[in-house]
N, C-alpha and C. Protein backbone atom coordinates (compact mmCIF):
# COMPACT_ATOMS: atom_id res chain seq x y z
N MET A 1 -31.88 -14.89 16.43
CA MET A 1 -31.07 -13.97 15.65
C MET A 1 -29.58 -14.15 15.87
N LEU A 2 -29.23 -14.22 17.11
CA LEU A 2 -27.77 -14.42 17.48
C LEU A 2 -27.34 -15.77 17.02
N THR A 3 -28.18 -16.80 17.15
CA THR A 3 -27.84 -18.10 16.72
C THR A 3 -27.50 -18.15 15.22
N GLN A 4 -28.33 -17.41 14.41
CA GLN A 4 -28.15 -17.45 13.02
C GLN A 4 -26.80 -16.71 12.64
N LYS A 5 -26.44 -15.70 13.39
CA LYS A 5 -25.16 -15.00 13.16
C LYS A 5 -24.00 -15.92 13.51
N LEU A 6 -24.11 -16.68 14.57
CA LEU A 6 -22.98 -17.56 14.95
C LEU A 6 -22.93 -18.76 13.95
N LEU A 7 -24.06 -19.21 13.44
CA LEU A 7 -24.08 -20.23 12.41
C LEU A 7 -23.43 -19.71 11.13
N ALA A 8 -23.64 -18.45 10.90
CA ALA A 8 -23.09 -17.90 9.66
C ALA A 8 -21.55 -17.85 9.76
N VAL A 9 -21.07 -17.49 10.97
CA VAL A 9 -19.65 -17.47 11.20
C VAL A 9 -19.05 -18.88 11.10
N THR A 10 -19.72 -19.80 11.67
CA THR A 10 -19.31 -21.22 11.62
C THR A 10 -19.21 -21.77 10.20
N THR A 11 -20.22 -21.54 9.43
CA THR A 11 -20.25 -22.09 8.02
C THR A 11 -19.32 -21.34 7.13
N ASN A 12 -18.84 -20.18 7.54
CA ASN A 12 -17.82 -19.47 6.69
C ASN A 12 -16.42 -19.68 7.08
N GLY A 13 -16.20 -20.78 7.66
CA GLY A 13 -14.77 -21.24 8.01
C GLY A 13 -14.37 -20.91 9.39
N GLY A 14 -15.35 -20.87 10.35
CA GLY A 14 -14.90 -20.58 11.77
C GLY A 14 -14.07 -21.72 12.33
N ALA A 15 -14.30 -22.97 11.83
CA ALA A 15 -13.49 -24.13 12.38
C ALA A 15 -12.05 -24.09 11.85
N ASP A 16 -11.84 -23.52 10.67
CA ASP A 16 -10.50 -23.43 10.12
C ASP A 16 -9.59 -22.55 10.90
N TRP A 17 -10.20 -21.46 11.51
CA TRP A 17 -9.35 -20.58 12.35
C TRP A 17 -8.92 -21.28 13.60
N ILE A 18 -9.62 -22.27 14.09
CA ILE A 18 -9.23 -23.08 15.27
C ILE A 18 -7.94 -23.83 14.91
N LEU A 19 -7.89 -24.38 13.71
CA LEU A 19 -6.71 -25.12 13.26
C LEU A 19 -5.52 -24.20 13.16
N TYR A 20 -5.69 -22.99 12.60
CA TYR A 20 -4.61 -22.05 12.45
C TYR A 20 -4.08 -21.62 13.88
N PHE A 21 -5.03 -21.46 14.78
CA PHE A 21 -4.70 -21.08 16.14
C PHE A 21 -3.92 -22.11 16.85
N LEU A 22 -4.32 -23.42 16.59
CA LEU A 22 -3.57 -24.57 17.21
C LEU A 22 -2.17 -24.62 16.64
N ILE A 23 -2.01 -24.44 15.32
CA ILE A 23 -0.71 -24.41 14.71
C ILE A 23 0.16 -23.36 15.30
N PHE A 24 -0.38 -22.12 15.55
CA PHE A 24 0.34 -21.00 16.18
C PHE A 24 0.74 -21.42 17.52
N LEU A 25 -0.16 -21.96 18.37
CA LEU A 25 0.18 -22.44 19.71
C LEU A 25 1.31 -23.49 19.61
N SER A 26 1.19 -24.36 18.71
CA SER A 26 2.26 -25.39 18.57
C SER A 26 3.65 -24.84 18.30
N ILE A 27 3.69 -23.79 17.46
CA ILE A 27 4.93 -23.16 17.16
C ILE A 27 5.46 -22.44 18.42
N CYS A 28 4.65 -21.75 19.17
CA CYS A 28 5.08 -21.11 20.43
C CYS A 28 5.58 -22.18 21.43
N SER A 29 4.90 -23.37 21.44
CA SER A 29 5.24 -24.41 22.41
C SER A 29 6.64 -24.97 22.00
N ILE A 30 6.85 -25.18 20.72
CA ILE A 30 8.19 -25.74 20.31
C ILE A 30 9.31 -24.74 20.64
N ALA A 31 9.04 -23.43 20.45
CA ALA A 31 10.09 -22.38 20.74
C ALA A 31 10.42 -22.39 22.19
N ILE A 32 9.38 -22.46 23.05
CA ILE A 32 9.61 -22.55 24.52
C ILE A 32 10.32 -23.79 24.93
N ILE A 33 9.99 -24.97 24.35
CA ILE A 33 10.59 -26.22 24.69
C ILE A 33 12.06 -26.16 24.35
N ILE A 34 12.42 -25.63 23.18
CA ILE A 34 13.87 -25.55 22.74
C ILE A 34 14.56 -24.62 23.77
N GLU A 35 14.05 -23.44 24.04
CA GLU A 35 14.71 -22.47 24.84
C GLU A 35 14.98 -23.09 26.32
N ARG A 36 13.87 -23.67 26.89
CA ARG A 36 13.97 -24.18 28.28
C ARG A 36 14.90 -25.40 28.27
N PHE A 37 14.92 -26.20 27.21
CA PHE A 37 15.80 -27.38 27.22
C PHE A 37 17.25 -26.95 27.32
N PHE A 38 17.65 -26.06 26.56
CA PHE A 38 19.06 -25.67 26.63
C PHE A 38 19.41 -24.85 27.90
N SER A 39 18.45 -23.94 28.25
CA SER A 39 18.69 -23.18 29.48
C SER A 39 18.77 -23.98 30.74
N LEU A 40 17.80 -24.87 30.95
CA LEU A 40 17.83 -25.71 32.10
C LEU A 40 18.90 -26.80 32.06
N ARG A 41 19.24 -27.22 30.90
CA ARG A 41 20.35 -28.19 30.79
C ARG A 41 21.65 -27.59 31.33
N ALA A 42 21.94 -26.32 30.83
CA ALA A 42 23.09 -25.54 31.28
C ALA A 42 23.09 -25.38 32.73
N THR A 43 21.97 -24.91 33.28
CA THR A 43 21.87 -24.66 34.74
C THR A 43 22.10 -25.87 35.59
N LEU A 44 21.48 -26.99 35.10
CA LEU A 44 21.62 -28.24 35.88
C LEU A 44 23.00 -28.78 35.79
N GLY A 45 23.64 -28.59 34.66
CA GLY A 45 25.06 -29.03 34.46
C GLY A 45 25.96 -28.29 35.53
N LEU A 46 25.80 -26.97 35.60
CA LEU A 46 26.61 -26.19 36.57
C LEU A 46 26.23 -26.61 38.02
N SER A 47 24.94 -26.85 38.25
CA SER A 47 24.53 -27.31 39.57
C SER A 47 25.18 -28.58 39.99
N ARG A 48 25.30 -29.50 39.09
CA ARG A 48 25.91 -30.79 39.43
C ARG A 48 27.38 -30.71 39.61
N LYS A 49 27.98 -29.82 38.84
CA LYS A 49 29.53 -29.60 39.13
C LYS A 49 29.70 -28.97 40.53
N ILE A 50 28.92 -28.03 40.80
CA ILE A 50 29.09 -27.40 42.18
C ILE A 50 28.89 -28.37 43.32
N CYS A 51 27.82 -29.22 43.13
CA CYS A 51 27.56 -30.24 44.15
C CYS A 51 28.75 -31.23 44.29
N GLU A 52 29.30 -31.53 43.11
CA GLU A 52 30.54 -32.44 43.19
C GLU A 52 31.67 -31.82 44.03
N ARG A 53 31.90 -30.51 43.71
CA ARG A 53 32.85 -29.76 44.46
C ARG A 53 32.52 -29.71 45.92
N ALA A 54 31.30 -29.48 46.28
CA ALA A 54 30.89 -29.44 47.71
C ALA A 54 31.10 -30.81 48.37
N LYS A 55 30.78 -31.84 47.57
CA LYS A 55 30.93 -33.20 48.09
C LYS A 55 32.39 -33.51 48.41
N GLU A 56 33.26 -33.05 47.54
CA GLU A 56 34.75 -33.17 47.74
C GLU A 56 35.17 -32.43 49.04
N GLY A 57 34.56 -31.23 49.27
CA GLY A 57 34.88 -30.45 50.50
C GLY A 57 34.44 -31.18 51.75
N ILE A 58 33.29 -31.91 51.63
CA ILE A 58 32.81 -32.58 52.79
C ILE A 58 33.76 -33.72 53.15
N LYS A 59 34.11 -34.44 52.02
CA LYS A 59 35.14 -35.58 52.27
C LYS A 59 36.32 -35.14 52.88
N ALA A 60 36.88 -33.94 52.50
CA ALA A 60 38.15 -33.36 52.99
C ALA A 60 37.85 -32.63 54.35
N ASN A 61 36.63 -32.58 54.77
CA ASN A 61 36.32 -31.90 56.00
C ASN A 61 36.71 -30.42 55.91
N ASP A 62 36.39 -29.81 54.72
CA ASP A 62 36.86 -28.39 54.50
C ASP A 62 35.63 -27.70 53.92
N LEU A 63 34.91 -26.97 54.81
CA LEU A 63 33.77 -26.28 54.36
C LEU A 63 34.12 -24.98 53.71
N LYS A 64 35.41 -24.62 53.68
CA LYS A 64 35.83 -23.30 53.12
C LYS A 64 35.70 -23.40 51.54
N VAL A 65 35.46 -24.64 51.03
CA VAL A 65 35.26 -24.79 49.60
C VAL A 65 34.00 -23.99 49.17
N LEU A 66 33.12 -23.63 50.20
CA LEU A 66 31.91 -22.82 49.85
C LEU A 66 32.30 -21.46 49.39
N GLU A 67 33.41 -21.00 50.00
CA GLU A 67 33.81 -19.66 49.56
C GLU A 67 34.29 -19.55 48.11
N ASP A 68 34.93 -20.68 47.69
CA ASP A 68 35.28 -20.82 46.23
C ASP A 68 34.06 -20.92 45.34
N ILE A 69 33.08 -21.73 45.80
CA ILE A 69 31.85 -21.88 45.07
C ILE A 69 31.11 -20.57 44.94
N SER A 70 31.20 -19.73 45.96
CA SER A 70 30.43 -18.49 45.97
C SER A 70 30.89 -17.49 44.91
N LYS A 71 32.16 -17.77 44.39
CA LYS A 71 32.73 -16.90 43.36
C LYS A 71 32.09 -17.14 41.97
N ASN A 72 31.42 -18.32 41.89
CA ASN A 72 30.83 -18.69 40.52
C ASN A 72 29.37 -18.07 40.49
N HIS A 73 29.30 -16.89 39.93
CA HIS A 73 27.96 -16.24 39.88
C HIS A 73 27.09 -16.73 38.75
N GLU A 74 27.58 -17.50 37.91
CA GLU A 74 26.76 -18.06 36.78
C GLU A 74 25.80 -19.13 37.34
N ALA A 75 26.19 -19.77 38.42
CA ALA A 75 25.31 -20.82 38.93
C ALA A 75 24.40 -20.31 40.07
N LEU A 76 23.20 -20.88 40.18
CA LEU A 76 22.27 -20.44 41.24
C LEU A 76 22.97 -20.70 42.61
N GLU A 77 23.69 -21.74 42.81
CA GLU A 77 24.27 -22.06 44.15
C GLU A 77 25.39 -21.07 44.46
N GLY A 78 26.13 -20.58 43.39
CA GLY A 78 27.15 -19.65 43.58
C GLY A 78 26.62 -18.30 44.07
N ARG A 79 25.52 -17.82 43.35
CA ARG A 79 24.86 -16.59 43.71
C ARG A 79 24.26 -16.73 45.13
N LEU A 80 23.68 -17.80 45.44
CA LEU A 80 23.11 -18.07 46.76
C LEU A 80 24.10 -17.92 47.79
N LEU A 81 25.27 -18.68 47.59
CA LEU A 81 26.37 -18.59 48.61
C LEU A 81 26.96 -17.29 48.76
N SER A 82 27.14 -16.55 47.63
CA SER A 82 27.74 -15.18 47.61
C SER A 82 26.90 -14.30 48.48
N TYR A 83 25.54 -14.35 48.30
CA TYR A 83 24.68 -13.48 49.03
C TYR A 83 24.62 -13.89 50.50
N ALA A 84 24.63 -15.19 50.76
CA ALA A 84 24.45 -15.75 52.17
C ALA A 84 25.76 -15.45 53.04
N LEU A 85 26.88 -15.65 52.30
CA LEU A 85 28.20 -15.47 53.05
C LEU A 85 28.36 -13.96 53.33
N ARG A 86 27.95 -13.11 52.38
CA ARG A 86 28.01 -11.69 52.67
C ARG A 86 27.12 -11.20 53.78
N TYR A 87 25.99 -11.80 53.73
CA TYR A 87 25.00 -11.46 54.84
C TYR A 87 25.51 -11.96 56.18
N SER A 88 26.00 -13.29 56.24
CA SER A 88 26.50 -13.75 57.48
C SER A 88 27.72 -13.05 57.96
N GLY A 89 28.54 -12.56 57.07
CA GLY A 89 29.72 -11.79 57.46
C GLY A 89 29.35 -10.53 58.13
N GLN A 90 28.19 -9.94 57.74
CA GLN A 90 27.82 -8.63 58.29
C GLN A 90 27.00 -8.78 59.56
N ARG A 91 26.05 -9.85 59.57
CA ARG A 91 25.13 -9.94 60.62
C ARG A 91 25.19 -11.33 61.33
N GLY A 92 26.11 -12.20 61.00
CA GLY A 92 26.15 -13.48 61.62
C GLY A 92 25.13 -14.44 61.04
N GLY A 93 24.95 -15.58 61.75
CA GLY A 93 24.04 -16.61 61.27
C GLY A 93 22.62 -16.35 61.59
N LYS A 94 22.30 -15.22 62.28
CA LYS A 94 20.88 -15.05 62.60
C LYS A 94 19.96 -14.81 61.45
N ASN A 95 18.88 -15.64 61.36
CA ASN A 95 17.92 -15.48 60.25
C ASN A 95 18.52 -15.83 58.94
N LEU A 96 19.66 -16.50 58.91
CA LEU A 96 20.30 -16.86 57.66
C LEU A 96 19.43 -17.88 56.85
N ASN A 97 18.87 -18.81 57.48
CA ASN A 97 18.03 -19.86 56.86
C ASN A 97 16.88 -19.20 56.13
N GLU A 98 16.17 -18.32 56.75
CA GLU A 98 15.10 -17.56 56.14
C GLU A 98 15.53 -16.77 55.01
N ILE A 99 16.64 -16.08 55.18
CA ILE A 99 17.19 -15.25 54.07
C ILE A 99 17.47 -16.08 52.85
N MET A 100 18.04 -17.28 53.03
CA MET A 100 18.52 -18.13 51.89
C MET A 100 17.20 -18.68 51.24
N ASN A 101 16.20 -19.03 52.09
CA ASN A 101 14.96 -19.61 51.44
C ASN A 101 14.35 -18.50 50.57
N SER A 102 14.35 -17.27 51.07
CA SER A 102 13.78 -16.17 50.26
C SER A 102 14.46 -15.98 49.00
N TYR A 103 15.82 -16.10 49.05
CA TYR A 103 16.53 -15.90 47.79
C TYR A 103 16.28 -17.01 46.75
N VAL A 104 16.14 -18.28 47.28
CA VAL A 104 15.79 -19.33 46.32
C VAL A 104 14.42 -19.12 45.74
N LEU A 105 13.44 -18.63 46.54
CA LEU A 105 12.15 -18.35 46.02
C LEU A 105 12.12 -17.21 44.94
N MET A 106 13.02 -16.25 45.13
CA MET A 106 13.18 -15.23 44.10
C MET A 106 13.84 -15.75 42.80
N GLU A 107 14.66 -16.74 42.90
CA GLU A 107 15.31 -17.35 41.72
C GLU A 107 14.38 -18.28 41.00
N ARG A 108 13.42 -18.93 41.71
CA ARG A 108 12.58 -19.90 41.14
C ARG A 108 11.83 -19.54 39.85
N PRO A 109 11.21 -18.30 39.83
CA PRO A 109 10.49 -17.94 38.60
C PRO A 109 11.32 -17.97 37.36
N ALA A 110 12.61 -17.62 37.47
CA ALA A 110 13.47 -17.69 36.26
C ALA A 110 13.66 -19.11 35.81
N LEU A 111 13.79 -20.06 36.78
CA LEU A 111 13.82 -21.49 36.36
C LEU A 111 12.49 -21.96 35.72
N GLU A 112 11.44 -21.45 36.16
CA GLU A 112 10.10 -21.93 35.68
C GLU A 112 9.57 -21.04 34.58
N LYS A 113 10.36 -20.27 33.99
CA LYS A 113 9.94 -19.27 32.94
C LYS A 113 9.21 -20.05 31.83
N ASN A 114 7.99 -19.57 31.55
CA ASN A 114 7.13 -20.08 30.45
C ASN A 114 6.66 -21.52 30.65
N LEU A 115 6.91 -22.12 31.82
CA LEU A 115 6.44 -23.46 32.01
C LEU A 115 4.93 -23.44 32.25
N GLY A 116 4.46 -22.36 32.81
CA GLY A 116 2.97 -22.18 32.96
C GLY A 116 2.21 -22.30 31.65
N PHE A 117 2.88 -21.73 30.65
CA PHE A 117 2.27 -21.70 29.20
C PHE A 117 2.11 -23.21 28.73
N LEU A 118 3.22 -23.96 28.99
CA LEU A 118 3.20 -25.39 28.53
C LEU A 118 2.15 -26.16 29.35
N ALA A 119 2.00 -25.86 30.61
CA ALA A 119 0.97 -26.52 31.45
C ALA A 119 -0.46 -26.20 30.96
N THR A 120 -0.61 -24.92 30.61
CA THR A 120 -1.93 -24.49 30.22
C THR A 120 -2.29 -25.06 28.87
N LEU A 121 -1.30 -25.05 27.95
CA LEU A 121 -1.43 -25.58 26.61
C LEU A 121 -1.80 -27.04 26.71
N GLY A 122 -0.99 -27.77 27.48
CA GLY A 122 -1.24 -29.22 27.55
C GLY A 122 -2.63 -29.55 28.10
N SER A 123 -3.17 -28.74 29.05
CA SER A 123 -4.48 -28.98 29.65
C SER A 123 -5.62 -28.59 28.71
N ASN A 124 -5.33 -27.67 27.84
CA ASN A 124 -6.52 -27.03 27.11
C ASN A 124 -6.47 -27.22 25.58
N ALA A 125 -5.35 -27.65 25.03
CA ALA A 125 -5.21 -27.84 23.60
C ALA A 125 -6.25 -28.74 22.97
N ALA A 126 -6.48 -29.84 23.76
CA ALA A 126 -7.51 -30.83 23.26
C ALA A 126 -8.88 -30.26 23.26
N PHE A 127 -9.19 -29.38 24.25
CA PHE A 127 -10.49 -28.74 24.27
C PHE A 127 -10.65 -27.70 23.11
N ILE A 128 -9.54 -27.02 22.80
CA ILE A 128 -9.65 -26.10 21.70
C ILE A 128 -9.88 -26.93 20.38
N GLY A 129 -9.19 -28.05 20.24
CA GLY A 129 -9.41 -28.90 19.09
C GLY A 129 -10.86 -29.43 19.09
N LEU A 130 -11.38 -29.71 20.23
CA LEU A 130 -12.79 -30.28 20.30
C LEU A 130 -13.79 -29.15 19.83
N LEU A 131 -13.45 -27.93 20.26
CA LEU A 131 -14.26 -26.79 19.76
C LEU A 131 -14.32 -26.68 18.21
N GLY A 132 -13.07 -26.89 17.60
CA GLY A 132 -13.01 -26.89 16.19
C GLY A 132 -13.82 -28.03 15.58
N THR A 133 -13.81 -29.16 16.29
CA THR A 133 -14.60 -30.32 15.78
C THR A 133 -16.10 -29.97 15.85
N VAL A 134 -16.60 -29.41 16.96
CA VAL A 134 -17.97 -29.04 17.08
C VAL A 134 -18.36 -28.09 16.05
N LEU A 135 -17.50 -27.05 15.77
CA LEU A 135 -17.86 -26.12 14.72
C LEU A 135 -17.93 -26.74 13.34
N GLY A 136 -17.03 -27.71 13.13
CA GLY A 136 -16.99 -28.42 11.93
C GLY A 136 -18.21 -29.26 11.65
N ILE A 137 -18.68 -29.91 12.73
CA ILE A 137 -19.88 -30.74 12.63
C ILE A 137 -21.11 -29.83 12.35
N VAL A 138 -21.15 -28.73 12.99
CA VAL A 138 -22.26 -27.78 12.78
C VAL A 138 -22.32 -27.31 11.29
N ARG A 139 -21.13 -27.11 10.74
CA ARG A 139 -21.04 -26.65 9.36
C ARG A 139 -21.46 -27.88 8.45
N ALA A 140 -21.08 -29.09 8.83
CA ALA A 140 -21.47 -30.22 8.00
C ALA A 140 -22.95 -30.41 7.94
N PHE A 141 -23.55 -30.31 9.10
CA PHE A 141 -25.07 -30.44 9.11
C PHE A 141 -25.73 -29.35 8.32
N ALA A 142 -25.17 -28.10 8.50
CA ALA A 142 -25.73 -27.00 7.73
C ALA A 142 -25.63 -27.25 6.20
N ASP A 143 -24.49 -27.80 5.81
CA ASP A 143 -24.37 -28.09 4.39
C ASP A 143 -25.33 -29.20 3.96
N LEU A 144 -25.62 -30.18 4.89
CA LEU A 144 -26.57 -31.17 4.53
C LEU A 144 -27.92 -30.65 4.42
N ALA A 145 -28.22 -29.69 5.35
CA ALA A 145 -29.67 -29.07 5.29
C ALA A 145 -29.80 -28.37 3.93
N GLY A 146 -28.70 -27.82 3.45
CA GLY A 146 -28.80 -27.06 2.27
C GLY A 146 -28.91 -27.94 1.02
N SER A 147 -28.19 -29.09 1.03
CA SER A 147 -28.26 -29.93 -0.13
C SER A 147 -29.46 -30.85 -0.09
N GLN A 148 -29.82 -31.38 1.08
CA GLN A 148 -31.00 -32.23 1.32
C GLN A 148 -30.97 -33.54 0.56
N SER A 149 -29.79 -33.90 -0.05
CA SER A 149 -29.78 -35.09 -0.90
C SER A 149 -28.54 -35.84 -0.83
N ASN A 150 -27.51 -35.38 -0.12
CA ASN A 150 -26.25 -36.04 -0.23
C ASN A 150 -25.65 -36.30 1.23
N PRO A 151 -26.02 -37.44 1.84
CA PRO A 151 -25.53 -37.79 3.17
C PRO A 151 -24.11 -37.92 3.16
N GLY A 152 -23.44 -38.25 2.10
CA GLY A 152 -22.00 -38.39 1.98
C GLY A 152 -21.27 -37.16 2.38
N ALA A 153 -21.92 -36.03 2.03
CA ALA A 153 -21.30 -34.74 2.24
C ALA A 153 -21.11 -34.46 3.69
N VAL A 154 -22.14 -34.79 4.50
CA VAL A 154 -22.09 -34.55 5.92
C VAL A 154 -21.07 -35.51 6.59
N MET A 155 -20.87 -36.75 6.06
CA MET A 155 -19.95 -37.61 6.60
C MET A 155 -18.50 -37.14 6.37
N ALA A 156 -18.30 -36.60 5.15
CA ALA A 156 -17.03 -36.03 4.80
C ALA A 156 -16.71 -34.79 5.67
N GLY A 157 -17.80 -34.04 5.97
CA GLY A 157 -17.60 -32.87 6.79
C GLY A 157 -17.21 -33.16 8.22
N ILE A 158 -17.86 -34.26 8.69
CA ILE A 158 -17.57 -34.73 10.04
C ILE A 158 -16.12 -35.25 10.13
N SER A 159 -15.76 -36.04 9.17
CA SER A 159 -14.41 -36.59 9.18
C SER A 159 -13.33 -35.44 9.10
N GLU A 160 -13.64 -34.38 8.39
CA GLU A 160 -12.69 -33.22 8.38
C GLU A 160 -12.77 -32.51 9.74
N ALA A 161 -13.88 -32.45 10.34
CA ALA A 161 -13.95 -31.81 11.59
C ALA A 161 -13.22 -32.47 12.75
N LEU A 162 -13.19 -33.78 12.68
CA LEU A 162 -12.44 -34.56 13.67
C LEU A 162 -10.95 -34.30 13.62
N VAL A 163 -10.45 -33.77 12.53
CA VAL A 163 -9.03 -33.41 12.37
C VAL A 163 -8.58 -32.40 13.47
N ALA A 164 -9.52 -31.44 13.78
CA ALA A 164 -9.25 -30.43 14.77
C ALA A 164 -8.96 -31.06 16.16
N THR A 165 -9.70 -32.03 16.55
CA THR A 165 -9.49 -32.71 17.79
C THR A 165 -8.10 -33.46 17.76
N ALA A 166 -7.88 -34.16 16.63
CA ALA A 166 -6.59 -34.82 16.54
C ALA A 166 -5.38 -33.83 16.67
N VAL A 167 -5.52 -32.69 15.98
CA VAL A 167 -4.46 -31.64 16.11
C VAL A 167 -4.32 -31.20 17.56
N GLY A 168 -5.45 -30.97 18.17
CA GLY A 168 -5.39 -30.51 19.59
C GLY A 168 -4.63 -31.48 20.50
N ILE A 169 -4.95 -32.75 20.31
CA ILE A 169 -4.28 -33.73 21.10
C ILE A 169 -2.75 -33.80 20.79
N PHE A 170 -2.52 -33.65 19.43
CA PHE A 170 -1.07 -33.69 19.01
C PHE A 170 -0.33 -32.51 19.61
N VAL A 171 -0.93 -31.41 19.74
CA VAL A 171 -0.27 -30.23 20.27
C VAL A 171 -0.14 -30.45 21.82
N ALA A 172 -1.11 -31.03 22.45
CA ALA A 172 -1.11 -31.15 23.88
C ALA A 172 -0.02 -32.08 24.46
N ILE A 173 0.14 -33.30 23.72
CA ILE A 173 1.02 -34.25 24.27
C ILE A 173 2.43 -33.80 24.46
N PRO A 174 3.11 -33.15 23.45
CA PRO A 174 4.47 -32.69 23.68
C PRO A 174 4.52 -31.58 24.78
N ALA A 175 3.52 -30.74 24.87
CA ALA A 175 3.54 -29.74 25.88
C ALA A 175 3.49 -30.38 27.32
N VAL A 176 2.66 -31.35 27.48
CA VAL A 176 2.56 -32.00 28.80
C VAL A 176 3.85 -32.73 29.12
N ALA A 177 4.40 -33.44 28.15
CA ALA A 177 5.67 -34.23 28.34
C ALA A 177 6.79 -33.30 28.69
N ALA A 178 6.90 -32.20 27.89
CA ALA A 178 7.96 -31.24 28.19
C ALA A 178 7.81 -30.53 29.48
N TYR A 179 6.59 -30.21 29.95
CA TYR A 179 6.35 -29.54 31.20
C TYR A 179 6.79 -30.48 32.31
N ASN A 180 6.39 -31.72 32.30
CA ASN A 180 6.83 -32.71 33.32
C ASN A 180 8.30 -32.91 33.41
N TYR A 181 8.96 -32.97 32.23
CA TYR A 181 10.40 -33.14 32.17
C TYR A 181 11.16 -31.92 32.75
N PHE A 182 10.65 -30.74 32.45
CA PHE A 182 11.34 -29.48 32.92
C PHE A 182 11.04 -29.32 34.36
N GLN A 183 9.89 -29.67 34.82
CA GLN A 183 9.65 -29.63 36.31
C GLN A 183 10.58 -30.51 37.07
N ARG A 184 10.85 -31.75 36.52
CA ARG A 184 11.81 -32.59 37.18
C ARG A 184 13.18 -31.89 37.26
N GLN A 185 13.58 -31.28 36.16
CA GLN A 185 14.87 -30.64 36.19
C GLN A 185 14.93 -29.46 37.16
N VAL A 186 13.86 -28.73 37.28
CA VAL A 186 13.78 -27.58 38.21
C VAL A 186 13.84 -28.16 39.65
N LYS A 187 13.21 -29.25 39.89
CA LYS A 187 13.23 -29.87 41.27
C LYS A 187 14.68 -30.33 41.57
N LEU A 188 15.42 -30.85 40.60
CA LEU A 188 16.83 -31.26 40.80
C LEU A 188 17.73 -30.09 41.15
N ILE A 189 17.51 -29.01 40.41
CA ILE A 189 18.33 -27.80 40.63
C ILE A 189 18.01 -27.23 42.01
N LEU A 190 16.72 -27.20 42.43
CA LEU A 190 16.40 -26.72 43.77
C LEU A 190 16.83 -27.57 44.85
N SER A 191 16.83 -28.92 44.62
CA SER A 191 17.32 -29.87 45.61
C SER A 191 18.84 -29.66 45.78
N ASN A 192 19.52 -29.45 44.73
CA ASN A 192 21.00 -29.17 44.88
C ASN A 192 21.23 -27.88 45.62
N ALA A 193 20.43 -26.88 45.32
CA ALA A 193 20.58 -25.61 46.04
C ALA A 193 20.24 -25.75 47.55
N GLU A 194 19.28 -26.67 47.82
CA GLU A 194 18.96 -26.96 49.26
C GLU A 194 20.12 -27.56 50.01
N SER A 195 20.84 -28.49 49.28
CA SER A 195 22.04 -29.16 49.88
C SER A 195 23.14 -28.14 50.15
N ILE A 196 23.37 -27.25 49.16
CA ILE A 196 24.39 -26.18 49.43
C ILE A 196 23.94 -25.27 50.51
N LYS A 197 22.63 -24.99 50.62
CA LYS A 197 22.16 -24.19 51.71
C LYS A 197 22.45 -24.76 53.06
N GLN A 198 22.22 -26.01 53.17
CA GLN A 198 22.53 -26.73 54.43
C GLN A 198 24.06 -26.66 54.82
N LEU A 199 24.88 -26.84 53.81
CA LEU A 199 26.25 -26.71 54.01
C LEU A 199 26.66 -25.32 54.46
N CYS A 200 26.01 -24.29 53.86
CA CYS A 200 26.30 -22.90 54.20
C CYS A 200 25.83 -22.69 55.69
N LEU A 201 24.77 -23.19 56.10
CA LEU A 201 24.29 -23.01 57.45
C LEU A 201 25.31 -23.73 58.47
N ALA A 202 25.78 -24.89 57.97
CA ALA A 202 26.80 -25.50 58.85
C ALA A 202 28.12 -24.67 58.96
N TYR A 203 28.48 -24.09 57.80
CA TYR A 203 29.73 -23.26 57.75
C TYR A 203 29.43 -22.00 58.67
N ALA A 204 28.29 -21.42 58.63
CA ALA A 204 28.02 -20.16 59.38
C ALA A 204 28.01 -20.55 60.84
N SER A 205 27.44 -21.70 61.25
CA SER A 205 27.44 -22.15 62.61
C SER A 205 28.80 -22.36 63.12
N GLU A 206 29.72 -22.89 62.30
CA GLU A 206 31.06 -23.16 62.66
C GLU A 206 31.84 -21.86 62.89
N LYS A 207 31.56 -20.77 62.04
CA LYS A 207 32.18 -19.57 62.22
C LYS A 207 31.70 -18.84 63.50
N ASP A 208 30.38 -18.95 63.77
CA ASP A 208 29.84 -18.33 64.95
C ASP A 208 30.41 -18.97 66.22
N ALA A 209 30.70 -20.28 66.17
CA ALA A 209 31.16 -21.00 67.37
C ALA A 209 32.65 -20.68 67.68
N ARG A 210 33.36 -20.06 66.70
CA ARG A 210 34.74 -19.69 66.99
C ARG A 210 34.94 -18.55 67.88
């Protein structure tokens, strides 16, 4: 009885809803890709500028450049330094490394915002499309059983059903590519923050030694 009900849903256009769902997921994916592209691009640009300033400070043997960097609250490194220098000024360098690591961990979810959706979509869109293909094939065979005289109808139905798998793969590929690209950008930003963190620890050690 349940099988007959499911068959009725399938033959009444159940596979078509899979295609509409994939199109909806594709639109969401494109929106996230555009938002993350501009957001991470701006963040990485600021990060690179700050690292260049820090590099100049190292060449000049002047770690006080970190105090200037800490005034730039738009950048992750600036916020990190502002928090760390304020902490070290109040309590010294004790536990500063752990405090800075914790702050970076708190900032990380903002950098990876919605990337989990892209990863999930990239992993499962093809399977959603395959589900649509299976439902389409079931409908094609049901139509053949009803006509009992037109094998061409089932072949046409199967060819239409395969479109769902193709659409699923088409949705998955950009999501996977974008996820990998954005993860590399996040790693670069966090790597730059790690470099600034090490400079801050050196600066705090120098202050404690005085």
